[in-house]
Amino acid sequence: MSFLTAVLTEVEHIALPLPLLVYPMVAAVLFLALGVVVWSFRDVANRHSGKANAYAAAHGGHGGASGTGGH
């Protein structure tokens, strides 16, 4: 225990450039921004299922008119 207390007393405290509350707020904003990006790509396969089925039919794929969006 004495080694730990000696190390803790010798460590210099570094002043942060921003208040401590700002760091979790920045992380939350980044998390929400990435969530918006993921949300924007929802249902993309179904929006293009006609193109996927046409491509699969033209290139000998198994998709055909299955209605599964080419997956």
Protein backbone atom coordinates (compact mmCIF):
# COMPACT_ATOMS: atom_id res chain seq x y z
CA MET A 1 0.00 0.00 0.00
CA SER A 2 2.87 2.37 0.70
CA PHE A 3 4.11 2.04 -2.90
CA LEU A 4 0.69 3.00 -4.23
CA THR A 5 0.43 6.02 -1.98
CA ALA A 6 3.95 7.07 -2.91
CA VAL A 7 3.14 6.85 -6.61
CA LEU A 8 -0.11 8.74 -6.19
CA THR A 9 1.54 11.55 -4.27
CA GLU A 10 4.34 11.90 -6.84
CA VAL A 11 2.05 12.11 -9.87
CA GLU A 12 1.59 15.61 -11.20
CA HIS A 13 -1.95 16.66 -11.94
CA ILE A 14 -2.43 17.75 -15.50
CA ALA A 15 -4.95 20.49 -16.14
CA LEU A 16 -7.51 19.41 -18.71
CA PRO A 17 -8.25 21.78 -21.59
CA LEU A 18 -12.02 21.36 -21.10
CA PRO A 19 -14.21 20.86 -18.04
CA LEU A 20 -14.67 17.26 -17.02
CA LEU A 21 -18.37 17.21 -17.97
CA VAL A 22 -17.61 18.08 -21.62
CA TYR A 23 -15.88 14.77 -22.43
CA PRO A 24 -18.93 12.52 -21.87
CA MET A 25 -21.05 15.08 -23.73
CA VAL A 26 -18.72 14.89 -26.75
CA ALA A 27 -18.87 11.09 -26.62
CA ALA A 28 -22.68 11.19 -26.48
CA VAL A 29 -22.87 13.54 -29.47
CA LEU A 30 -20.54 11.30 -31.48
CA PHE A 31 -22.56 8.24 -30.50
CA LEU A 32 -25.78 9.93 -31.59
CA ALA A 33 -24.21 11.05 -34.88
CA LEU A 34 -23.10 7.50 -35.63
CA GLY A 35 -26.57 6.28 -34.71
CA VAL A 36 -28.08 8.69 -37.24
CA VAL A 37 -25.74 7.34 -39.92
CA VAL A 38 -26.73 3.76 -39.14
CA TRP A 39 -30.43 4.73 -39.01
CA SER A 40 -30.16 6.36 -42.44
CA PHE A 41 -29.14 3.04 -44.01
CA ARG A 42 -32.11 1.12 -42.67
CA ASP A 43 -34.13 -0.87 -45.20
CA VAL A 44 -31.70 -0.09 -48.04
CA ALA A 45 -31.83 -3.65 -49.36
CA ASN A 46 -35.60 -3.55 -49.67
CA ARG A 47 -35.56 -0.20 -51.45
CA HIS A 48 -33.38 -1.70 -54.17
CA SER A 49 -34.84 -5.20 -54.32
CA GLY A 50 -36.03 -4.71 -57.90
CA LYS A 51 -32.52 -3.87 -59.05
CA ALA A 52 -31.06 -6.77 -57.07
CA ASN A 53 -33.54 -9.24 -58.54
CA ALA A 54 -32.92 -7.95 -62.07
CA TYR A 55 -29.15 -8.23 -61.61
CA ALA A 56 -29.44 -11.73 -60.18
CA ALA A 57 -31.69 -12.84 -63.05
CA ALA A 58 -29.37 -11.34 -65.66
CA HIS A 59 -26.26 -12.92 -64.19
CA GLY A 60 -27.62 -16.35 -63.36
CA GLY A 61 -28.14 -15.68 -59.67
CA HIS A 62 -30.52 -17.50 -57.41
CA GLY A 63 -32.49 -14.36 -56.41
CA GLY A 64 -35.05 -14.27 -59.20
CA ALA A 65 -38.40 -13.00 -57.98
CA SER A 66 -38.10 -14.33 -54.47
CA GLY A 67 -38.93 -10.97 -52.92
CA THR A 68 -36.16 -11.21 -50.38
CA GLY A 69 -34.25 -8.25 -51.71
CA GLY A 70 -31.55 -10.34 -53.33
CA HIS A 71 -30.32 -11.72 -50.02
